[in-house]
């Protein structure tokens, strides 16, 4: 959804979805949810510098580097 509409992506950021995407990435019971959350978060990080900055602050440098690769 985010990739199809930057307007929607901006609204999701305003709704503070980033925190929930990071939480979903840690949910080991649902691998598909982890994957979808990671894809959405990666797109948001690459598209919006403010999201990228917040994610960098929230995780270790090594995790962030591996995540973005």
PDB file of N, CA and C in Angstrom:
ATOM      1  N   UNK A   1       0.817  -1.191   0.000  1.00  0.00           N
ATOM      2  CA  UNK A   1       0.000   0.000   0.000  1.00  0.00           C
ATOM      3  C   UNK A   1       0.863   1.258   0.000  1.00  0.00           C
ATOM      4  N   UNK A   2       1.906   1.237   0.778  1.00  0.00           N
ATOM      5  CA  UNK A   2       2.777   2.422   0.879  1.00  0.00           C
ATOM      6  C   UNK A   2       3.427   2.746  -0.456  1.00  0.00           C
ATOM      7  N   UNK A   3       3.834   1.720  -1.157  1.00  0.00           N
ATOM      8  CA  UNK A   3       4.547   1.940  -2.409  1.00  0.00           C
ATOM      9  C   UNK A   3       3.635   2.478  -3.508  1.00  0.00           C
ATOM     10  N   UNK A   4       2.357   2.224  -3.407  1.00  0.00           N
ATOM     11  CA  UNK A   4       1.414   2.670  -4.429  1.00  0.00           C
ATOM     12  C   UNK A   4       0.987   4.126  -4.246  1.00  0.00           C
ATOM     13  N   UNK A   5       1.120   4.649  -3.036  1.00  0.00           N
ATOM     14  CA  UNK A   5       0.642   6.004  -2.771  1.00  0.00           C
ATOM     15  C   UNK A   5       1.501   6.671  -1.701  1.00  0.00           C
ATOM     16  N   UNK A   6       2.255   7.671  -2.118  1.00  0.00           N
ATOM     17  CA  UNK A   6       3.062   8.407  -1.142  1.00  0.00           C
ATOM     18  C   UNK A   6       2.179   9.169  -0.168  1.00  0.00           C
ATOM     19  N   UNK A   7       1.017   9.608  -0.622  1.00  0.00           N
ATOM     20  CA  UNK A   7       0.085  10.297   0.268  1.00  0.00           C
ATOM     21  C   UNK A   7      -0.365   9.359   1.389  1.00  0.00           C
ATOM     22  N   UNK A   8      -0.673   8.123   1.033  1.00  0.00           N
ATOM     23  CA  UNK A   8      -1.059   7.137   2.042  1.00  0.00           C
ATOM     24  C   UNK A   8       0.111   6.842   2.977  1.00  0.00           C
ATOM     25  N   UNK A   9       1.303   6.724   2.424  1.00  0.00           N
ATOM     26  CA  UNK A   9       2.490   6.475   3.240  1.00  0.00           C
ATOM     27  C   UNK A   9       2.694   7.587   4.258  1.00  0.00           C
ATOM     28  N   UNK A  10       2.525   8.825   3.824  1.00  0.00           N
ATOM     29  CA  UNK A  10       2.668   9.960   4.741  1.00  0.00           C
ATOM     30  C   UNK A  10       1.610   9.924   5.839  1.00  0.00           C
ATOM     31  N   UNK A  11       0.399   9.561   5.478  1.00  0.00           N
ATOM     32  CA  UNK A  11      -0.667   9.469   6.496  1.00  0.00           C
ATOM     33  C   UNK A  11      -0.370   8.359   7.494  1.00  0.00           C
ATOM     34  N   UNK A  12       0.164   7.244   7.016  1.00  0.00           N
ATOM     35  CA  UNK A  12       0.512   6.147   7.926  1.00  0.00           C
ATOM     36  C   UNK A  12       1.613   6.578   8.891  1.00  0.00           C
ATOM     37  N   UNK A  13       2.574   7.332   8.397  1.00  0.00           N
ATOM     38  CA  UNK A  13       3.639   7.843   9.270  1.00  0.00           C
ATOM     39  C   UNK A  13       3.047   8.766  10.326  1.00  0.00           C
ATOM     40  N   UNK A  14       2.131   9.621   9.917  1.00  0.00           N
ATOM     41  CA  UNK A  14       1.480  10.522  10.871  1.00  0.00           C
ATOM     42  C   UNK A  14       0.693   9.739  11.917  1.00  0.00           C
ATOM     43  N   UNK A  15       0.230   8.554  11.551  1.00  0.00           N
ATOM     44  CA  UNK A  15      -0.520   7.707  12.488  1.00  0.00           C
ATOM     45  C   UNK A  15       0.425   6.846  13.346  1.00  0.00           C
ATOM     46  N   UNK A  16       1.722   7.099  13.194  1.00  0.00           N
ATOM     47  CA  UNK A  16       2.761   6.424  13.986  1.00  0.00           C
ATOM     48  C   UNK A  16       2.817   4.918  13.757  1.00  0.00           C
ATOM     49  N   UNK A  17       2.731   4.526  12.499  1.00  0.00           N
ATOM     50  CA  UNK A  17       2.740   3.116  12.149  1.00  0.00           C
ATOM     51  C   UNK A  17       4.146   2.501  12.262  1.00  0.00           C
ATOM     52  N   UNK A  18       5.187   3.320  12.245  1.00  0.00           N
ATOM     53  CA  UNK A  18       6.561   2.814  12.271  1.00  0.00           C
ATOM     54  C   UNK A  18       6.802   1.948  13.506  1.00  0.00           C
ATOM     55  N   UNK A  19       6.348   2.412  14.652  1.00  0.00           N
ATOM     56  CA  UNK A  19       6.515   1.637  15.885  1.00  0.00           C
ATOM     57  C   UNK A  19       5.868   0.259  15.747  1.00  0.00           C
ATOM     58  N   UNK A  20       4.704   0.216  15.182  1.00  0.00           N
ATOM     59  CA  UNK A  20       3.979  -1.050  15.039  1.00  0.00           C
ATOM     60  C   UNK A  20       4.633  -1.969  14.005  1.00  0.00           C
ATOM     61  N   UNK A  21       5.209  -1.396  12.977  1.00  0.00           N
ATOM     62  CA  UNK A  21       5.930  -2.214  12.004  1.00  0.00           C
ATOM     63  C   UNK A  21       7.156  -2.855  12.654  1.00  0.00           C
ATOM     64  N   UNK A  22       7.855  -2.088  13.476  1.00  0.00           N
ATOM     65  CA  UNK A  22       9.024  -2.644  14.165  1.00  0.00           C
ATOM     66  C   UNK A  22       8.597  -3.750  15.131  1.00  0.00           C
ATOM     67  N   UNK A  23       7.494  -3.544  15.796  1.00  0.00           N
ATOM     68  CA  UNK A  23       6.974  -4.560  16.703  1.00  0.00           C
ATOM     69  C   UNK A  23       6.618  -5.831  15.925  1.00  0.00           C
ATOM     70  N   UNK A  24       5.977  -5.676  14.782  1.00  0.00           N
ATOM     71  CA  UNK A  24       5.590  -6.826  13.963  1.00  0.00           C
ATOM     72  C   UNK A  24       6.808  -7.584  13.463  1.00  0.00           C
ATOM     73  N   UNK A  25       7.890  -6.869  13.198  1.00  0.00           N
ATOM     74  CA  UNK A  25       9.111  -7.544  12.742  1.00  0.00           C
ATOM     75  C   UNK A  25       9.664  -8.481  13.807  1.00  0.00           C
ATOM     76  N   UNK A  26       9.385  -8.198  15.066  1.00  0.00           N
ATOM     77  CA  UNK A  26       9.883  -9.030  16.155  1.00  0.00           C
ATOM     78  C   UNK A  26       8.967 -10.181  16.529  1.00  0.00           C
ATOM     79  N   UNK A  27       7.805 -10.271  15.911  1.00  0.00           N
ATOM     80  CA  UNK A  27       6.834 -11.311  16.238  1.00  0.00           C
ATOM     81  C   UNK A  27       7.227 -12.618  15.553  1.00  0.00           C
ATOM     82  N   UNK A  28       7.834 -13.521  16.299  1.00  0.00           N
ATOM     83  CA  UNK A  28       8.358 -14.759  15.738  1.00  0.00           C
ATOM     84  C   UNK A  28       7.285 -15.789  15.407  1.00  0.00           C
ATOM     85  N   UNK A  29       6.065 -15.555  15.835  1.00  0.00           N
ATOM     86  CA  UNK A  29       4.996 -16.518  15.567  1.00  0.00           C
ATOM     87  C   UNK A  29       4.429 -16.390  14.154  1.00  0.00           C
ATOM     88  N   UNK A  30       4.652 -15.272  13.494  1.00  0.00           N
ATOM     89  CA  UNK A  30       4.056 -15.030  12.182  1.00  0.00           C
ATOM     90  C   UNK A  30       5.112 -14.516  11.209  1.00  0.00           C
ATOM     91  N   UNK A  31       5.769 -15.458  10.535  1.00  0.00           N
ATOM     92  CA  UNK A  31       6.869 -15.108   9.642  1.00  0.00           C
ATOM     93  C   UNK A  31       6.419 -14.215   8.491  1.00  0.00           C
ATOM     94  N   UNK A  32       5.227 -14.458   7.950  1.00  0.00           N
ATOM     95  CA  UNK A  32       4.765 -13.632   6.832  1.00  0.00           C
ATOM     96  C   UNK A  32       4.529 -12.186   7.278  1.00  0.00           C
ATOM     97  N   UNK A  33       4.012 -12.012   8.487  1.00  0.00           N
ATOM     98  CA  UNK A  33       3.824 -10.660   9.014  1.00  0.00           C
ATOM     99  C   UNK A  33       5.160  -9.962   9.212  1.00  0.00           C
ATOM    100  N   UNK A  34       6.153 -10.712   9.673  1.00  0.00           N
ATOM    101  CA  UNK A  34       7.495 -10.161   9.825  1.00  0.00           C
ATOM    102  C   UNK A  34       8.018  -9.655   8.482  1.00  0.00           C
ATOM    103  N   UNK A  35       7.859 -10.475   7.460  1.00  0.00           N
ATOM    104  CA  UNK A  35       8.358 -10.131   6.139  1.00  0.00           C
ATOM    105  C   UNK A  35       7.653  -8.901   5.580  1.00  0.00           C
ATOM    106  N   UNK A  36       6.337  -8.870   5.694  1.00  0.00           N
ATOM    107  CA  UNK A  36       5.577  -7.735   5.179  1.00  0.00           C
ATOM    108  C   UNK A  36       5.913  -6.439   5.933  1.00  0.00           C
ATOM    109  N   UNK A  37       6.062  -6.552   7.235  1.00  0.00           N
ATOM    110  CA  UNK A  37       6.426  -5.377   8.037  1.00  0.00           C
ATOM    111  C   UNK A  37       7.822  -4.884   7.659  1.00  0.00           C
ATOM    112  N   UNK A  38       8.743  -5.800   7.446  1.00  0.00           N
ATOM    113  CA  UNK A  38      10.109  -5.417   7.070  1.00  0.00           C
ATOM    114  C   UNK A  38      10.124  -4.717   5.715  1.00  0.00           C
ATOM    115  N   UNK A  39       9.355  -5.224   4.765  1.00  0.00           N
ATOM    116  CA  UNK A  39       9.296  -4.589   3.441  1.00  0.00           C
ATOM    117  C   UNK A  39       8.713  -3.185   3.527  1.00  0.00           C
ATOM    118  N   UNK A  40       7.645  -3.031   4.290  1.00  0.00           N
ATOM    119  CA  UNK A  40       7.016  -1.720   4.450  1.00  0.00           C
ATOM    120  C   UNK A  40       7.965  -0.749   5.153  1.00  0.00           C
ATOM    121  N   UNK A  41       8.610  -1.214   6.202  1.00  0.00           N
ATOM    122  CA  UNK A  41       9.520  -0.344   6.947  1.00  0.00           C
ATOM    123  C   UNK A  41      10.729   0.043   6.102  1.00  0.00           C
ATOM    124  N   UNK A  42      11.253  -0.889   5.345  1.00  0.00           N
ATOM    125  CA  UNK A  42      12.384  -0.574   4.470  1.00  0.00           C
ATOM    126  C   UNK A  42      11.986   0.517   3.462  1.00  0.00           C
ATOM    127  N   UNK A  43      10.816   0.377   2.867  1.00  0.00           N
ATOM    128  CA  UNK A  43      10.353   1.391   1.918  1.00  0.00           C
ATOM    129  C   UNK A  43      10.232   2.754   2.596  1.00  0.00           C
ATOM    130  N   UNK A  44       9.645   2.775   3.776  1.00  0.00           N
ATOM    131  CA  UNK A  44       9.480   4.046   4.487  1.00  0.00           C
ATOM    132  C   UNK A  44      10.830   4.663   4.848  1.00  0.00           C
ATOM    133  N   UNK A  45      11.781   3.832   5.241  1.00  0.00           N
ATOM    134  CA  UNK A  45      13.128   4.334   5.574  1.00  0.00           C
ATOM    135  C   UNK A  45      13.814   4.927   4.352  1.00  0.00           C
ATOM    136  N   UNK A  46      13.671   4.279   3.221  1.00  0.00           N
ATOM    137  CA  UNK A  46      14.329   4.755   1.998  1.00  0.00           C
ATOM    138  C   UNK A  46      13.634   5.988   1.414  1.00  0.00           C
ATOM    139  N   UNK A  47      12.355   6.157   1.716  1.00  0.00           N
ATOM    140  CA  UNK A  47      11.585   7.245   1.127  1.00  0.00           C
ATOM    141  C   UNK A  47      11.551   8.490   2.003  1.00  0.00           C
ATOM    142  N   UNK A  48      11.512   8.290   3.328  1.00  0.00           N
ATOM    143  CA  UNK A  48      11.361   9.407   4.255  1.00  0.00           C
ATOM    144  C   UNK A  48      12.551   9.445   5.218  1.00  0.00           C
ATOM    145  N   UNK A  49      13.428  10.435   5.077  1.00  0.00           N
ATOM    146  CA  UNK A  49      14.620  10.515   5.939  1.00  0.00           C
ATOM    147  C   UNK A  49      14.288  10.557   7.435  1.00  0.00           C
ATOM    148  N   UNK A  50      13.184  11.164   7.807  1.00  0.00           N
ATOM    149  CA  UNK A  50      12.830  11.243   9.235  1.00  0.00           C
ATOM    150  C   UNK A  50      12.555   9.848   9.799  1.00  0.00           C
ATOM    151  N   UNK A  51      11.934   8.992   9.006  1.00  0.00           N
ATOM    152  CA  UNK A  51      11.680   7.613   9.442  1.00  0.00           C
ATOM    153  C   UNK A  51      13.007   6.883   9.578  1.00  0.00           C
ATOM    154  N   UNK A  52      13.879   7.074   8.601  1.00  0.00           N
ATOM    155  CA  UNK A  52      15.189   6.434   8.633  1.00  0.00           C
ATOM    156  C   UNK A  52      15.953   6.826   9.895  1.00  0.00           C
ATOM    157  N   UNK A  53      15.922   8.098  10.239  1.00  0.00           N
ATOM    158  CA  UNK A  53      16.613   8.573  11.441  1.00  0.00           C
ATOM    159  C   UNK A  53      16.048   7.926  12.704  1.00  0.00           C
ATOM    160  N   UNK A  54      14.735   7.826  12.793  1.00  0.00           N
ATOM    161  CA  UNK A  54      14.114   7.244  13.984  1.00  0.00           C
ATOM    162  C   UNK A  54      14.412   5.750  14.109  1.00  0.00           C
ATOM    163  N   UNK A  55      14.415   5.055  12.992  1.00  0.00           N
ATOM    164  CA  UNK A  55      14.723   3.619  13.029  1.00  0.00           C
ATOM    165  C   UNK A  55      16.179   3.422  13.441  1.00  0.00           C
ATOM    166  N   UNK A  56      17.078   4.228  12.906  1.00  0.00           N
ATOM    167  CA  UNK A  56      18.498   4.140  13.288  1.00  0.00           C
ATOM    168  C   UNK A  56      18.673   4.333  14.787  1.00  0.00           C
ATOM    169  N   UNK A  57      17.922   5.257  15.364  1.00  0.00           N
ATOM    170  CA  UNK A  57      18.030   5.515  16.802  1.00  0.00           C
ATOM    171  C   UNK A  57      17.467   4.367  17.629  1.00  0.00           C
ATOM    172  N   UNK A  58      16.479   3.672  17.092  1.00  0.00           N
ATOM    173  CA  UNK A  58      15.775   2.654  17.867  1.00  0.00           C
ATOM    174  C   UNK A  58      16.497   1.307  17.897  1.00  0.00           C
ATOM    175  N   UNK A  59      17.327   1.025  16.894  1.00  0.00           N
ATOM    176  CA  UNK A  59      17.983  -0.282  16.818  1.00  0.00           C
ATOM    177  C   UNK A  59      19.493  -0.096  16.820  1.00  0.00           C
ATOM    178  N   UNK A  60      20.202  -1.201  16.981  1.00  0.00           N
ATOM    179  CA  UNK A  60      21.662  -1.129  16.939  1.00  0.00           C
ATOM    180  C   UNK A  60      22.129  -0.851  15.520  1.00  0.00           C
ATOM    181  N   UNK A  61      23.339  -0.341  15.396  1.00  0.00           N
ATOM    182  CA  UNK A  61      23.887  -0.026  14.085  1.00  0.00           C
ATOM    183  C   UNK A  61      24.022  -1.283  13.223  1.00  0.00           C
ATOM    184  N   UNK A  62      24.441  -2.382  13.843  1.00  0.00           N
ATOM    185  CA  UNK A  62      24.611  -3.630  13.101  1.00  0.00           C
ATOM    186  C   UNK A  62      23.264  -4.136  12.576  1.00  0.00           C
ATOM    187  N   UNK A  63      22.227  -4.092  13.408  1.00  0.00           N
ATOM    188  CA  UNK A  63      20.905  -4.529  12.957  1.00  0.00           C
ATOM    189  C   UNK A  63      20.418  -3.643  11.816  1.00  0.00           C
ATOM    190  N   UNK A  64      20.583  -2.344  11.963  1.00  0.00           N
ATOM    191  CA  UNK A  64      20.127  -1.409  10.927  1.00  0.00           C
ATOM    192  C   UNK A  64      20.843  -1.680   9.607  1.00  0.00           C
ATOM    193  N   UNK A  65      22.148  -1.876   9.660  1.00  0.00           N
ATOM    194  CA  UNK A  65      22.919  -2.140   8.440  1.00  0.00           C
ATOM    195  C   UNK A  65      22.448  -3.425   7.777  1.00  0.00           C
ATOM    196  N   UNK A  66      22.271  -4.476   8.551  1.00  0.00           N
ATOM    197  CA  UNK A  66      21.799  -5.752   7.995  1.00  0.00           C
ATOM    198  C   UNK A  66      20.376  -5.617   7.458  1.00  0.00           C
ATOM    199  N   UNK A  67      19.557  -4.893   8.136  1.00  0.00           N
ATOM    200  CA  UNK A  67      18.164  -4.694   7.719  1.00  0.00           C
ATOM    201  C   UNK A  67      18.099  -3.986   6.373  1.00  0.00           C
ATOM    202  N   UNK A  68      18.885  -2.955   6.191  1.00  0.00           N
ATOM    203  CA  UNK A  68      18.817  -2.171   4.954  1.00  0.00           C
ATOM    204  C   UNK A  68      19.487  -2.871   3.777  1.00  0.00           C
ATOM    205  N   UNK A  69      20.318  -3.859   4.057  1.00  0.00           N
ATOM    206  CA  UNK A  69      20.937  -4.626   2.957  1.00  0.00           C
ATOM    207  C   UNK A  69      19.926  -5.642   2.485  1.00  0.00           C
TER     208      UNK A  69
END
